[in-house]
Amino acid sequence: MVCVDPDKIGQVLVNLLDNASKYSPEGSVIKISAGERDKLVKVSVTDEGIGLSEEDLGKLFLPFPDIQRPVVTAQSVGLGLSVCRGIVKLHGGRIWAESPGPGQGSTLFFTLPKLGEE
C-alpha cells in the first residue's frame, strides 16, 4: 500500500504512457509493471521506441530538455516528464530512465515509499 494523491500519480502514469506511445513505432508493445521491494513500490513503463543516448538520459526529466528526437506532436512543450519528476519527489519517491541506446527502446521507472515506510 502507498499513500498518494491518486490524481497526481495517475497523471504520472498517463504522461509516461503518452511518451512511450508517442516515441514508439505503430504496433509496438508498451509494458507496464509494478512490484514491491524492500520499502518501495516500483513502477516501470517499457517501450520499443527511439531509445536514448547516455547523455540524453541525464536531461530527460529537466524542463525543455535539449534532446534530439523526432517532432511527433505540436502539443508537446517539453514539460511532461519534469512535472512527473516533481510529483514523484513530492510523494517521497524517485524517477529515472534507462535505455540500451538510440533505436533500442527505453524504460522509465519511479518508486514510491510503501505506507508506513516513509
N, C-alpha and C. Protein backbone atom coordinates (compact mmCIF):
# COMPACT_ATOMS: atom_id res chain seq x y z
N MET A 1 0.84 -1.18 0.00
CA MET A 1 0.00 0.00 0.00
C MET A 1 0.89 1.24 0.00
N VAL A 2 0.43 2.24 -0.72
CA VAL A 2 1.11 3.53 -0.76
C VAL A 2 0.10 4.62 -0.45
N CYS A 3 0.57 5.70 0.11
CA CYS A 3 -0.28 6.85 0.39
C CYS A 3 0.05 7.92 -0.64
N VAL A 4 -0.85 8.13 -1.61
CA VAL A 4 -0.59 9.06 -2.70
C VAL A 4 -1.84 9.85 -3.04
N ASP A 5 -1.63 10.92 -3.77
CA ASP A 5 -2.74 11.64 -4.41
C ASP A 5 -3.00 10.87 -5.70
N PRO A 6 -4.11 10.13 -5.78
CA PRO A 6 -4.35 9.28 -6.95
C PRO A 6 -4.41 10.05 -8.27
N ASP A 7 -4.91 11.28 -8.24
CA ASP A 7 -4.95 12.07 -9.47
C ASP A 7 -3.56 12.41 -9.95
N LYS A 8 -2.67 12.77 -9.03
CA LYS A 8 -1.31 13.16 -9.40
C LYS A 8 -0.50 11.96 -9.88
N ILE A 9 -0.59 10.85 -9.17
CA ILE A 9 0.14 9.66 -9.61
C ILE A 9 -0.48 9.12 -10.90
N GLY A 10 -1.78 9.28 -11.06
CA GLY A 10 -2.42 8.95 -12.34
C GLY A 10 -1.86 9.80 -13.47
N GLN A 11 -1.62 11.08 -13.20
CA GLN A 11 -1.03 11.97 -14.19
C GLN A 11 0.37 11.49 -14.57
N VAL A 12 1.14 11.03 -13.60
CA VAL A 12 2.48 10.50 -13.88
C VAL A 12 2.37 9.31 -14.84
N LEU A 13 1.49 8.38 -14.52
CA LEU A 13 1.32 7.20 -15.37
C LEU A 13 0.86 7.58 -16.78
N VAL A 14 -0.08 8.49 -16.88
CA VAL A 14 -0.56 8.93 -18.19
C VAL A 14 0.58 9.58 -18.99
N ASN A 15 1.38 10.43 -18.34
CA ASN A 15 2.49 11.07 -19.03
C ASN A 15 3.52 10.04 -19.51
N LEU A 16 3.85 9.07 -18.68
CA LEU A 16 4.82 8.05 -19.07
C LEU A 16 4.29 7.21 -20.23
N LEU A 17 3.02 6.83 -20.15
CA LEU A 17 2.42 6.05 -21.24
C LEU A 17 2.31 6.88 -22.52
N ASP A 18 1.97 8.15 -22.39
CA ASP A 18 1.85 9.03 -23.55
C ASP A 18 3.20 9.15 -24.25
N ASN A 19 4.27 9.37 -23.48
CA ASN A 19 5.60 9.46 -24.08
C ASN A 19 6.00 8.16 -24.75
N ALA A 20 5.75 7.04 -24.09
CA ALA A 20 6.09 5.74 -24.67
C ALA A 20 5.35 5.54 -25.99
N SER A 21 4.11 5.93 -26.03
CA SER A 21 3.31 5.79 -27.24
C SER A 21 3.78 6.74 -28.35
N LYS A 22 4.08 7.98 -27.99
CA LYS A 22 4.50 8.98 -28.98
C LYS A 22 5.81 8.60 -29.66
N TYR A 23 6.72 8.01 -28.92
CA TYR A 23 8.06 7.76 -29.44
C TYR A 23 8.31 6.30 -29.79
N SER A 24 7.23 5.53 -29.99
CA SER A 24 7.35 4.13 -30.39
C SER A 24 6.66 3.93 -31.73
N PRO A 25 7.15 2.99 -32.53
CA PRO A 25 6.51 2.72 -33.81
C PRO A 25 5.10 2.16 -33.61
N GLU A 26 4.25 2.43 -34.57
CA GLU A 26 2.88 1.89 -34.52
C GLU A 26 2.93 0.38 -34.42
N GLY A 27 2.10 -0.18 -33.56
CA GLY A 27 2.02 -1.63 -33.39
C GLY A 27 3.04 -2.21 -32.43
N SER A 28 3.90 -1.38 -31.85
CA SER A 28 4.88 -1.89 -30.90
C SER A 28 4.24 -2.12 -29.53
N VAL A 29 4.95 -2.83 -28.70
CA VAL A 29 4.44 -3.19 -27.38
C VAL A 29 4.97 -2.21 -26.33
N ILE A 30 4.07 -1.79 -25.43
CA ILE A 30 4.43 -0.99 -24.27
C ILE A 30 4.05 -1.82 -23.04
N LYS A 31 5.02 -2.05 -22.17
CA LYS A 31 4.79 -2.88 -20.98
C LYS A 31 4.78 -2.01 -19.73
N ILE A 32 3.81 -2.27 -18.87
CA ILE A 32 3.73 -1.60 -17.58
C ILE A 32 3.89 -2.67 -16.51
N SER A 33 4.71 -2.36 -15.53
CA SER A 33 4.93 -3.34 -14.47
C SER A 33 4.97 -2.61 -13.14
N ALA A 34 4.55 -3.29 -12.10
CA ALA A 34 4.60 -2.73 -10.75
C ALA A 34 4.91 -3.87 -9.78
N GLY A 35 5.69 -3.54 -8.79
CA GLY A 35 6.03 -4.53 -7.78
C GLY A 35 6.57 -3.84 -6.55
N GLU A 36 6.83 -4.62 -5.52
CA GLU A 36 7.36 -4.04 -4.31
C GLU A 36 8.67 -4.72 -3.96
N ARG A 37 9.55 -3.91 -3.41
CA ARG A 37 10.86 -4.41 -2.98
C ARG A 37 11.30 -3.57 -1.81
N ASP A 38 11.74 -4.24 -0.77
CA ASP A 38 12.15 -3.57 0.45
C ASP A 38 11.01 -2.66 0.91
N LYS A 39 11.27 -1.36 0.99
CA LYS A 39 10.27 -0.43 1.50
C LYS A 39 9.66 0.42 0.39
N LEU A 40 9.76 -0.07 -0.87
CA LEU A 40 9.32 0.72 -2.01
C LEU A 40 8.37 -0.05 -2.92
N VAL A 41 7.53 0.72 -3.61
CA VAL A 41 6.77 0.22 -4.73
C VAL A 41 7.45 0.78 -5.96
N LYS A 42 7.75 -0.10 -6.93
CA LYS A 42 8.46 0.32 -8.14
C LYS A 42 7.56 0.07 -9.35
N VAL A 43 7.40 1.12 -10.16
CA VAL A 43 6.58 1.06 -11.37
C VAL A 43 7.49 1.32 -12.56
N SER A 44 7.27 0.58 -13.65
CA SER A 44 8.06 0.82 -14.85
C SER A 44 7.17 0.81 -16.09
N VAL A 45 7.58 1.60 -17.06
CA VAL A 45 6.92 1.63 -18.37
C VAL A 45 8.03 1.42 -19.40
N THR A 46 7.94 0.33 -20.15
CA THR A 46 8.96 -0.04 -21.12
C THR A 46 8.38 0.05 -22.52
N ASP A 47 9.13 0.67 -23.42
CA ASP A 47 8.68 0.79 -24.81
C ASP A 47 9.71 0.25 -25.78
N GLU A 48 9.32 0.15 -27.03
CA GLU A 48 10.19 -0.30 -28.11
C GLU A 48 10.50 0.87 -29.03
N GLY A 49 10.59 2.05 -28.46
CA GLY A 49 10.70 3.28 -29.23
C GLY A 49 12.11 3.69 -29.60
N ILE A 50 12.29 5.00 -29.72
CA ILE A 50 13.52 5.57 -30.28
C ILE A 50 14.72 5.45 -29.37
N GLY A 51 14.52 5.12 -28.10
CA GLY A 51 15.63 4.97 -27.18
C GLY A 51 16.32 6.29 -26.87
N LEU A 52 17.31 6.23 -26.02
CA LEU A 52 18.02 7.44 -25.57
C LEU A 52 19.50 7.15 -25.44
N SER A 53 20.29 8.15 -25.75
CA SER A 53 21.73 8.06 -25.52
C SER A 53 21.99 8.26 -24.02
N GLU A 54 23.18 7.91 -23.59
CA GLU A 54 23.57 8.12 -22.19
C GLU A 54 23.46 9.59 -21.82
N GLU A 55 23.89 10.46 -22.73
CA GLU A 55 23.83 11.90 -22.49
C GLU A 55 22.39 12.38 -22.32
N ASP A 56 21.49 11.89 -23.19
CA ASP A 56 20.10 12.33 -23.12
C ASP A 56 19.37 11.82 -21.88
N LEU A 57 19.79 10.66 -21.36
CA LEU A 57 19.17 10.14 -20.14
C LEU A 57 19.27 11.14 -19.00
N GLY A 58 20.40 11.84 -18.92
CA GLY A 58 20.60 12.82 -17.85
C GLY A 58 19.77 14.08 -18.00
N LYS A 59 19.25 14.33 -19.19
CA LYS A 59 18.47 15.54 -19.45
C LYS A 59 16.96 15.29 -19.43
N LEU A 60 16.56 14.06 -19.48
CA LEU A 60 15.18 13.70 -19.77
C LEU A 60 14.15 14.35 -18.85
N PHE A 61 14.45 14.49 -17.58
CA PHE A 61 13.45 14.99 -16.62
C PHE A 61 13.62 16.48 -16.32
N LEU A 62 14.44 17.15 -17.12
CA LEU A 62 14.59 18.61 -16.99
C LEU A 62 13.52 19.31 -17.81
N PRO A 63 13.13 20.53 -17.40
CA PRO A 63 12.19 21.28 -18.24
C PRO A 63 12.84 21.61 -19.58
N PHE A 64 12.11 21.44 -20.65
CA PHE A 64 12.56 21.74 -22.01
C PHE A 64 13.90 21.09 -22.31
N PRO A 65 13.99 19.76 -22.18
CA PRO A 65 15.28 19.10 -22.38
C PRO A 65 15.77 19.26 -23.82
N ASP A 66 17.05 19.45 -23.98
CA ASP A 66 17.67 19.58 -25.29
C ASP A 66 18.06 18.18 -25.77
N ILE A 67 17.05 17.44 -26.22
CA ILE A 67 17.25 16.05 -26.63
C ILE A 67 16.90 15.94 -28.11
N GLN A 68 17.74 15.25 -28.86
CA GLN A 68 17.47 15.01 -30.27
C GLN A 68 16.41 13.93 -30.38
N ARG A 69 15.25 14.31 -30.86
CA ARG A 69 14.16 13.35 -31.04
C ARG A 69 13.23 13.88 -32.12
N PRO A 70 12.47 12.99 -32.72
CA PRO A 70 11.56 13.45 -33.76
C PRO A 70 10.43 14.29 -33.17
N VAL A 71 9.94 15.24 -33.93
CA VAL A 71 8.77 16.00 -33.52
C VAL A 71 7.56 15.13 -33.85
N VAL A 72 6.82 14.75 -32.80
CA VAL A 72 5.69 13.84 -33.01
C VAL A 72 4.35 14.52 -32.82
N THR A 73 4.34 15.67 -32.18
CA THR A 73 3.09 16.39 -31.98
C THR A 73 3.39 17.85 -31.66
N ALA A 74 2.56 18.70 -32.16
CA ALA A 74 2.73 20.13 -31.88
C ALA A 74 2.32 20.45 -30.45
N GLN A 75 1.62 19.53 -29.78
CA GLN A 75 1.12 19.78 -28.43
C GLN A 75 2.20 19.62 -27.36
N SER A 76 3.30 18.98 -27.68
CA SER A 76 4.35 18.73 -26.70
C SER A 76 5.17 20.00 -26.48
N VAL A 77 5.28 20.40 -25.20
CA VAL A 77 6.06 21.60 -24.89
C VAL A 77 7.33 21.28 -24.11
N GLY A 78 7.54 20.02 -23.75
CA GLY A 78 8.76 19.64 -23.06
C GLY A 78 8.72 19.75 -21.56
N LEU A 79 7.54 19.71 -20.98
CA LEU A 79 7.42 19.82 -19.52
C LEU A 79 6.88 18.56 -18.85
N GLY A 80 6.32 17.65 -19.60
CA GLY A 80 5.63 16.50 -19.03
C GLY A 80 6.46 15.68 -18.06
N LEU A 81 7.68 15.32 -18.46
CA LEU A 81 8.50 14.48 -17.58
C LEU A 81 9.06 15.27 -16.41
N SER A 82 9.27 16.56 -16.61
CA SER A 82 9.69 17.42 -15.50
C SER A 82 8.59 17.49 -14.44
N VAL A 83 7.36 17.61 -14.88
CA VAL A 83 6.21 17.61 -13.97
C VAL A 83 6.13 16.27 -13.24
N CYS A 84 6.35 15.18 -13.97
CA CYS A 84 6.35 13.85 -13.34
C CYS A 84 7.39 13.77 -12.24
N ARG A 85 8.58 14.28 -12.51
CA ARG A 85 9.65 14.26 -11.52
C ARG A 85 9.22 15.01 -10.26
N GLY A 86 8.60 16.17 -10.43
CA GLY A 86 8.14 16.95 -9.28
C GLY A 86 7.09 16.22 -8.47
N ILE A 87 6.15 15.60 -9.14
CA ILE A 87 5.07 14.87 -8.45
C ILE A 87 5.66 13.70 -7.66
N VAL A 88 6.51 12.93 -8.31
CA VAL A 88 7.09 11.75 -7.64
C VAL A 88 7.94 12.20 -6.45
N LYS A 89 8.73 13.25 -6.60
CA LYS A 89 9.55 13.73 -5.49
C LYS A 89 8.69 14.20 -4.32
N LEU A 90 7.58 14.88 -4.62
CA LEU A 90 6.67 15.33 -3.55
C LEU A 90 6.06 14.15 -2.79
N HIS A 91 5.99 12.99 -3.43
CA HIS A 91 5.48 11.79 -2.78
C HIS A 91 6.59 10.99 -2.10
N GLY A 92 7.80 11.54 -2.08
CA GLY A 92 8.91 10.85 -1.43
C GLY A 92 9.58 9.81 -2.29
N GLY A 93 9.32 9.85 -3.59
CA GLY A 93 9.87 8.83 -4.49
C GLY A 93 10.98 9.36 -5.37
N ARG A 94 11.33 8.54 -6.33
CA ARG A 94 12.40 8.83 -7.28
C ARG A 94 11.95 8.39 -8.66
N ILE A 95 12.39 9.09 -9.71
CA ILE A 95 12.04 8.74 -11.08
C ILE A 95 13.31 8.79 -11.92
N TRP A 96 13.45 7.84 -12.85
CA TRP A 96 14.62 7.79 -13.72
C TRP A 96 14.29 6.98 -14.98
N ALA A 97 15.23 7.01 -15.92
CA ALA A 97 15.06 6.28 -17.17
C ALA A 97 16.31 5.47 -17.46
N GLU A 98 16.12 4.37 -18.18
CA GLU A 98 17.22 3.55 -18.66
C GLU A 98 16.94 3.21 -20.11
N SER A 99 18.02 3.12 -20.90
CA SER A 99 17.89 2.75 -22.31
C SER A 99 19.20 2.12 -22.76
N PRO A 100 19.11 1.05 -23.54
CA PRO A 100 20.33 0.46 -24.07
C PRO A 100 20.97 1.34 -25.15
N GLY A 101 20.24 2.36 -25.61
CA GLY A 101 20.80 3.28 -26.59
C GLY A 101 19.79 3.66 -27.66
N PRO A 102 20.17 4.59 -28.52
CA PRO A 102 19.26 5.03 -29.59
C PRO A 102 18.75 3.86 -30.43
N GLY A 103 17.44 3.90 -30.70
CA GLY A 103 16.80 2.88 -31.51
C GLY A 103 16.49 1.59 -30.77
N GLN A 104 16.73 1.56 -29.46
CA GLN A 104 16.56 0.31 -28.72
C GLN A 104 15.55 0.39 -27.58
N GLY A 105 14.67 1.38 -27.61
CA GLY A 105 13.64 1.49 -26.60
C GLY A 105 14.14 2.07 -25.28
N SER A 106 13.23 2.26 -24.36
CA SER A 106 13.53 2.86 -23.07
C SER A 106 12.62 2.27 -22.00
N THR A 107 13.08 2.36 -20.77
CA THR A 107 12.24 2.04 -19.62
C THR A 107 12.31 3.21 -18.67
N LEU A 108 11.14 3.72 -18.30
CA LEU A 108 11.06 4.79 -17.31
C LEU A 108 10.51 4.17 -16.03
N PHE A 109 11.18 4.47 -14.93
CA PHE A 109 10.84 3.90 -13.63
C PHE A 109 10.47 5.00 -12.65
N PHE A 110 9.62 4.67 -11.69
CA PHE A 110 9.51 5.51 -10.50
C PHE A 110 9.22 4.63 -9.30
N THR A 111 9.69 5.11 -8.16
CA THR A 111 9.43 4.41 -6.91
C THR A 111 8.66 5.31 -5.97
N LEU A 112 7.91 4.69 -5.09
CA LEU A 112 7.17 5.39 -4.04
C LEU A 112 7.35 4.60 -2.76
N PRO A 113 7.47 5.29 -1.62
CA PRO A 113 7.59 4.56 -0.36
C PRO A 113 6.28 3.86 -0.01
N LYS A 114 6.41 2.63 0.50
CA LYS A 114 5.22 1.92 0.95
C LYS A 114 4.67 2.60 2.20
N LEU A 115 3.38 2.50 2.41
CA LEU A 115 2.71 3.10 3.55
C LEU A 115 3.40 2.68 4.83
N GLY A 116 3.72 3.67 5.66
CA GLY A 116 4.37 3.41 6.93
C GLY A 116 5.88 3.26 6.81
N GLU A 117 6.42 3.40 5.59
CA GLU A 117 7.85 3.22 5.38
C GLU A 117 8.55 4.52 5.00
N GLU A 118 7.85 5.67 4.98
CA GLU A 118 8.44 6.92 4.53
C GLU A 118 9.63 7.30 5.38
